[in-house]
Amino acid sequence: MLFYNKGLFDQYKVSYPTEGMTWDALFELAGKFRGAKNGKDQIYGFHQPFKMSKFSMIQSMGWDMGLNVTDAKGRTVTIDTEAWQKVFSQITEAWKNGSMPVIVGKNNKGRWDKEDVDSDLFSQGRAAMTISSPWQIDQLQQSGSKIDWQIVRPPSTDGSSSWQRGFNLHPVFAIGAGSDQADKAWKVVRYFNSPEAAKVETKTSKELITRLGFVNTVDGRSMEPFYQVKYDDRLGAGMEMNPNPPSSFYEEFDKKADEQLELILAGRTTVRQALQQLQKQGQQTLDTAWLAEPPEPEEGGGAAK
């Protein structure tokens, strides 16, 4: 969902985000907070926390648009396209003009620490918008935030789509095929999927529940918008988007992409030139990663030749 700080929009006399917004419209709104400050603290129009690199922010937006850095077979890098060029251009321009902060996890440590949670500028009242999950609500509550927040469906490429990629179900109950207590196990499964359990969950759980008849409210705000989004199982998160390239490729490609982004921000290259270079470097990295992969075993247990 797109969370927005209603108080900041009122204070700076900016129109609220709306359902069915495009990414272009989001960046236009974010730009209206350029130069805004609360005392010494700068106010940003849009902030996405929990990004381990500059490129991870760009990649996340690209995923939401159905873009990927390789083809479906994972053999060809596909970063040098007009669609990726637009994503790179929008975000690097937002970083340059101050609409978005350049904040990433330190040292690419591969985990989230308290300092990363503390960098959630939206919960601090220092970002007008963020795209997040129900976790954001929990974070606002735990931090004691007094923000007057609201939610609308997140933006899409053309404003008409409500398909999103961020979705998972848990827990998933299953009964072993050879269980000698299947009847008793089914009673447990039926209970946890019953209206009675759903009623309890609306009062005790901070997660969204799957039974539509029991959509809860949080601080007087309906969670209904979360249920209006359609989830496309073709749009995964992270490497799930395209599991075919070797895993070693992604880490190296991320580093090379960040190097090009540094050059763009320093004014030493253009987005177009950066993507051309990244396409070349990325393909070399991908080819090397494939050469380092062990051969797949043949049927029957033998190694493929």
Protein backbone atom coordinates (compact mmCIF):
# COMPACT_ATOMS: atom_id res chain seq x y z
CA MET A 1 0.00 0.00 0.00
CA LEU A 2 0.95 3.63 -0.43
CA PHE A 3 1.00 5.21 3.03
CA TYR A 4 0.86 8.98 3.22
CA ASN A 5 1.18 11.51 6.02
CA LYS A 6 -2.02 13.53 5.81
CA GLY A 7 -0.65 16.18 8.14
CA LEU A 8 2.34 16.94 5.91
CA PHE A 9 0.13 17.17 2.82
CA ASP A 10 -2.14 19.61 4.67
CA GLN A 11 0.78 21.64 6.02
CA TYR A 12 2.35 22.12 2.60
CA LYS A 13 -0.99 22.42 0.80
CA VAL A 14 -0.34 19.46 -1.49
CA SER A 15 -3.16 17.36 -2.94
CA TYR A 16 -3.50 13.91 -1.37
CA PRO A 17 -2.41 10.78 -3.25
CA THR A 18 -5.29 9.08 -5.01
CA GLU A 19 -6.29 5.59 -6.05
CA GLY A 20 -5.00 4.60 -9.46
CA MET A 21 -1.98 6.92 -9.46
CA THR A 22 0.87 6.45 -11.89
CA TRP A 23 4.51 6.40 -10.87
CA ASP A 24 4.88 9.69 -12.73
CA ALA A 25 2.19 11.23 -10.52
CA LEU A 26 3.88 9.89 -7.37
CA PHE A 27 7.20 11.51 -8.26
CA GLU A 28 5.39 14.74 -9.13
CA LEU A 29 3.78 14.76 -5.67
CA ALA A 30 7.09 13.92 -4.01
CA GLY A 31 8.72 16.87 -5.77
CA LYS A 32 6.30 19.29 -4.13
CA PHE A 33 8.04 18.69 -0.80
CA ARG A 34 11.41 19.74 -2.20
CA GLY A 35 13.21 21.93 0.34
CA ALA A 36 10.66 21.29 3.12
CA LYS A 37 12.08 21.23 6.64
CA ASN A 38 10.97 20.70 10.21
CA GLY A 39 13.53 22.67 12.14
CA LYS A 40 16.89 21.29 11.00
CA ASP A 41 15.39 18.05 9.73
CA GLN A 42 14.67 17.81 6.01
CA ILE A 43 11.25 16.54 4.94
CA TYR A 44 11.19 14.21 1.94
CA GLY A 45 8.36 13.57 -0.44
CA PHE A 46 8.95 9.82 -0.67
CA HIS A 47 11.13 7.32 1.16
CA GLN A 48 11.56 3.57 0.84
CA PRO A 49 13.46 2.15 3.85
CA PHE A 50 15.21 -1.21 4.10
CA LYS A 51 17.20 -1.04 0.89
CA MET A 52 20.67 -2.57 0.96
CA SER A 53 21.93 -0.59 -2.04
CA LYS A 54 20.99 2.27 -4.30
CA PHE A 55 20.19 -0.15 -7.09
CA SER A 56 17.83 -2.16 -4.86
CA MET A 57 15.51 0.88 -4.73
CA ILE A 58 15.51 1.15 -8.51
CA GLN A 59 15.12 -2.59 -8.94
CA SER A 60 12.14 -2.68 -6.57
CA MET A 61 10.33 -0.06 -8.62
CA GLY A 62 11.24 -1.91 -11.81
CA TRP A 63 9.80 -5.14 -10.45
CA ASP A 64 6.53 -3.37 -9.72
CA MET A 65 6.44 -2.47 -13.41
CA GLY A 66 7.12 -6.05 -14.48
CA LEU A 67 10.75 -5.36 -15.42
CA ASN A 68 13.67 -7.66 -14.80
CA VAL A 69 17.41 -7.48 -15.34
CA THR A 70 17.58 -10.68 -17.40
CA ASP A 71 15.41 -12.57 -19.84
CA ALA A 72 13.23 -15.49 -18.69
CA LYS A 73 15.99 -18.03 -19.32
CA GLY A 74 18.46 -16.04 -17.27
CA ARG A 75 20.99 -15.96 -20.09
CA THR A 76 20.74 -12.40 -21.39
CA VAL A 77 20.92 -9.13 -19.44
CA THR A 78 18.03 -6.78 -20.31
CA ILE A 79 18.89 -3.59 -18.43
CA ASP A 80 19.52 -1.33 -21.45
CA THR A 81 15.89 -0.56 -22.33
CA GLU A 82 13.73 2.56 -22.46
CA ALA A 83 11.65 1.27 -19.55
CA TRP A 84 14.67 0.80 -17.28
CA GLN A 85 16.06 4.15 -18.46
CA LYS A 86 12.92 5.89 -17.25
CA VAL A 87 13.13 4.21 -13.82
CA PHE A 88 16.81 5.15 -13.43
CA SER A 89 16.11 8.71 -14.55
CA GLN A 90 13.16 9.29 -12.22
CA ILE A 91 14.87 8.00 -9.09
CA THR A 92 18.28 9.57 -9.67
CA GLU A 93 16.59 12.91 -10.37
CA ALA A 94 14.59 12.56 -7.14
CA TRP A 95 17.82 11.88 -5.25
CA LYS A 96 19.49 14.89 -6.83
CA ASN A 97 16.68 17.34 -6.15
CA GLY A 98 16.05 16.12 -2.60
CA SER A 99 12.60 14.62 -3.13
CA MET A 100 13.98 11.29 -1.92
CA PRO A 101 16.84 10.60 0.50
CA VAL A 102 19.76 8.41 -0.48
CA ILE A 103 19.69 6.06 2.51
CA VAL A 104 20.75 2.42 2.23
CA GLY A 105 21.81 -0.33 4.64
CA LYS A 106 25.40 0.15 5.75
CA ASN A 107 28.14 -1.99 4.23
CA ASN A 108 25.61 -4.24 2.45
CA LYS A 109 25.64 -6.38 5.61
CA GLY A 110 22.80 -8.59 4.42
CA ARG A 111 20.58 -8.12 7.46
CA TRP A 112 18.44 -5.47 9.12
CA ASP A 113 19.63 -3.97 12.41
CA LYS A 114 18.00 -1.47 14.75
CA GLU A 115 19.73 1.38 12.93
CA ASP A 116 17.91 0.36 9.74
CA VAL A 117 14.54 0.31 11.49
CA ASP A 118 15.35 3.72 12.97
CA SER A 119 15.93 5.03 9.44
CA ASP A 120 12.22 4.63 8.61
CA LEU A 121 11.62 8.32 7.91
CA PHE A 122 7.89 7.92 7.36
CA SER A 123 7.30 6.75 10.93
CA GLN A 124 9.40 9.70 12.12
CA GLY A 125 7.20 12.17 10.26
CA ARG A 126 10.05 13.08 7.90
CA ALA A 127 8.66 11.50 4.71
CA ALA A 128 5.31 12.32 3.16
CA MET A 129 4.88 8.93 1.47
CA THR A 130 6.15 5.38 1.56
CA ILE A 131 5.10 2.05 0.07
CA SER A 132 4.87 -0.63 2.69
CA SER A 133 2.96 -3.55 4.18
CA PRO A 134 0.93 -3.90 7.40
CA TRP A 135 4.34 -3.93 9.10
CA GLN A 136 4.32 -0.15 8.70
CA ILE A 137 1.25 0.12 10.91
CA ASP A 138 2.94 -1.93 13.62
CA GLN A 139 6.02 0.26 13.34
CA LEU A 140 3.93 3.41 13.73
CA GLN A 141 2.24 2.00 16.81
CA GLN A 142 5.45 0.77 18.43
CA SER A 143 7.19 4.08 17.87
CA GLY A 144 4.30 5.98 19.49
CA SER A 145 3.92 8.03 16.31
CA LYS A 146 1.14 10.61 16.24
CA ILE A 147 1.10 10.77 12.44
CA ASP A 148 -2.31 11.09 10.80
CA TRP A 149 -1.64 8.42 8.18
CA GLN A 150 -3.88 7.13 5.42
CA ILE A 151 -3.51 4.43 2.76
CA VAL A 152 -4.41 4.10 -0.92
CA ARG A 153 -3.53 1.50 -3.52
CA PRO A 154 0.09 1.80 -4.69
CA PRO A 155 0.97 3.37 -8.05
CA SER A 156 1.34 1.50 -11.31
CA THR A 157 2.81 2.22 -14.72
CA ASP A 158 -0.40 3.41 -16.35
CA GLY A 159 -2.56 4.03 -13.28
CA SER A 160 -5.11 1.39 -14.22
CA SER A 161 -3.41 -1.68 -12.79
CA SER A 162 -3.83 -2.96 -9.26
CA TRP A 163 -1.49 -5.93 -9.66
CA GLN A 164 1.30 -6.18 -7.12
CA ARG A 165 4.07 -8.66 -6.38
CA GLY A 166 4.50 -8.46 -2.59
CA PHE A 167 2.39 -11.26 -1.20
CA ASN A 168 2.85 -14.33 0.97
CA LEU A 169 0.64 -16.62 3.01
CA HIS A 170 1.52 -17.99 6.41
CA PRO A 171 1.07 -20.26 8.18
CA VAL A 172 0.07 -22.98 5.76
CA PHE A 173 -1.38 -26.10 7.41
CA ALA A 174 -0.80 -29.58 6.01
CA ILE A 175 -1.31 -33.16 7.17
CA GLY A 176 1.20 -35.85 6.37
CA ALA A 177 -0.13 -38.49 3.98
CA GLY A 178 0.88 -41.26 6.35
CA SER A 179 -0.49 -39.68 9.53
CA ASP A 180 -2.40 -42.04 11.83
CA GLN A 181 -4.05 -39.00 13.50
CA ALA A 182 -5.51 -37.46 10.35
CA ASP A 183 -9.02 -37.07 11.79
CA LYS A 184 -7.75 -35.16 14.82
CA ALA A 185 -5.42 -33.10 12.65
CA TRP A 186 -8.30 -32.11 10.38
CA LYS A 187 -10.18 -30.78 13.41
CA VAL A 188 -7.23 -28.49 14.18
CA VAL A 189 -6.99 -27.32 10.57
CA ARG A 190 -10.74 -26.68 10.41
CA TYR A 191 -10.65 -24.64 13.61
CA PHE A 192 -7.82 -22.36 12.48
CA ASN A 193 -9.73 -21.71 9.26
CA SER A 194 -13.09 -21.18 10.96
CA PRO A 195 -15.10 -18.00 11.62
CA GLU A 196 -14.47 -18.51 15.34
CA ALA A 197 -10.71 -18.36 14.88
CA ALA A 198 -11.06 -15.38 12.53
CA LYS A 199 -12.92 -13.44 15.21
CA VAL A 200 -10.10 -14.08 17.66
CA GLU A 201 -7.46 -13.08 15.10
CA THR A 202 -9.09 -9.71 14.42
CA LYS A 203 -8.47 -8.87 18.09
CA THR A 204 -5.08 -10.50 18.64
CA SER A 205 -3.20 -10.60 15.32
CA LYS A 206 -1.42 -7.77 13.54
CA GLU A 207 -1.46 -9.70 10.26
CA LEU A 208 -4.11 -9.46 7.57
CA ILE A 209 -6.49 -12.40 7.72
CA THR A 210 -7.72 -14.26 4.66
CA ARG A 211 -11.44 -14.34 5.53
CA LEU A 212 -12.99 -11.30 3.86
CA GLY A 213 -15.94 -11.24 6.22
CA PHE A 214 -13.63 -10.30 9.08
CA VAL A 215 -11.59 -7.40 7.70
CA ASN A 216 -10.43 -5.47 10.74
CA THR A 217 -9.74 -1.82 11.38
CA VAL A 218 -6.63 -0.30 12.91
CA ASP A 219 -6.85 2.97 14.79
CA GLY A 220 -10.18 3.60 13.10
CA ARG A 221 -8.81 2.97 9.61
CA SER A 222 -10.20 0.15 7.51
CA MET A 223 -7.76 -2.39 6.11
CA GLU A 224 -10.06 -2.90 3.12
CA PRO A 225 -7.61 -1.29 0.62
CA PHE A 226 -5.18 -4.15 1.22
CA TYR A 227 -7.81 -6.56 -0.07
CA GLN A 228 -8.52 -4.52 -3.20
CA VAL A 229 -5.06 -5.16 -4.64
CA LYS A 230 -4.63 -8.10 -7.00
CA TYR A 231 -1.48 -10.13 -6.65
CA ASP A 232 0.26 -11.44 -9.73
CA ASP A 233 2.16 -14.68 -9.08
CA ARG A 234 4.35 -13.89 -12.08
CA LEU A 235 5.83 -10.97 -10.16
CA GLY A 236 7.98 -12.39 -7.40
CA ALA A 237 10.20 -10.62 -4.91
CA GLY A 238 13.98 -10.55 -5.21
CA MET A 239 15.48 -13.50 -7.05
CA GLU A 240 12.05 -15.16 -7.07
CA MET A 241 11.24 -12.80 -9.91
CA ASN A 242 13.49 -14.89 -12.14
CA PRO A 243 15.10 -17.90 -10.44
CA ASN A 244 17.09 -18.96 -13.51
CA PRO A 245 20.28 -16.86 -13.31
CA PRO A 246 22.96 -18.18 -10.89
CA SER A 247 22.59 -16.56 -7.48
CA SER A 248 26.15 -15.24 -7.63
CA PHE A 249 25.17 -13.02 -10.55
CA TYR A 250 22.80 -10.83 -8.55
CA GLU A 251 25.33 -9.74 -5.94
CA GLU A 252 27.95 -8.80 -8.54
CA PHE A 253 25.41 -7.07 -10.77
CA ASP A 254 24.15 -5.05 -7.80
CA LYS A 255 27.67 -3.79 -7.11
CA LYS A 256 28.23 -2.79 -10.74
CA ALA A 257 24.86 -1.04 -10.88
CA ASP A 258 25.72 0.96 -7.75
CA GLU A 259 29.02 2.01 -9.31
CA GLN A 260 27.16 3.40 -12.31
CA LEU A 261 24.64 5.14 -10.07
CA GLU A 262 27.48 6.88 -8.20
CA LEU A 263 28.78 8.17 -11.54
CA ILE A 264 25.31 9.42 -12.51
CA LEU A 265 24.88 11.26 -9.21
CA ALA A 266 28.35 12.78 -9.55
CA GLY A 267 27.49 14.05 -13.03
CA ARG A 268 30.26 11.98 -14.62
CA THR A 269 27.96 9.95 -16.88
CA THR A 270 24.40 10.03 -18.18
CA VAL A 271 21.70 7.48 -17.47
CA ARG A 272 21.85 6.33 -21.08
CA GLN A 273 25.62 5.83 -20.97
CA ALA A 274 25.40 4.11 -17.59
CA LEU A 275 22.86 1.58 -18.83
CA GLN A 276 24.93 0.83 -21.93
CA GLN A 277 27.95 0.17 -19.74
CA LEU A 278 25.91 -1.84 -17.24
CA GLN A 279 24.47 -3.94 -20.05
CA LYS A 280 27.99 -4.83 -21.21
CA GLN A 281 29.41 -5.42 -17.73
CA GLY A 282 26.31 -7.28 -16.61
CA GLN A 283 26.41 -9.66 -19.55
CA GLN A 284 30.05 -10.47 -18.84
CA THR A 285 29.16 -11.07 -15.19
CA LEU A 286 26.24 -13.30 -16.14
CA ASP A 287 28.31 -15.35 -18.58
CA THR A 288 31.01 -15.82 -15.93
CA ALA A 289 28.43 -16.87 -13.34
CA TRP A 290 27.03 -19.51 -15.67
CA LEU A 291 30.50 -20.90 -16.42
CA ALA A 292 31.08 -21.31 -12.68
CA GLU A 293 27.86 -23.26 -12.19
CA PRO A 294 28.25 -27.02 -11.64
CA PRO A 295 26.71 -29.19 -14.39
CA GLU A 296 23.16 -30.35 -13.78
CA PRO A 297 22.84 -34.07 -13.04
CA GLU A 298 21.34 -36.23 -15.74
CA GLU A 299 18.28 -38.34 -15.09
CA GLY A 300 19.40 -41.47 -13.29
CA GLY A 301 21.93 -39.67 -11.10
CA GLY A 302 24.85 -39.21 -13.51
CA ALA A 303 26.45 -35.83 -14.15
CA ALA A 304 25.53 -34.06 -17.36
CA LYS A 305 28.32 -33.84 -19.88
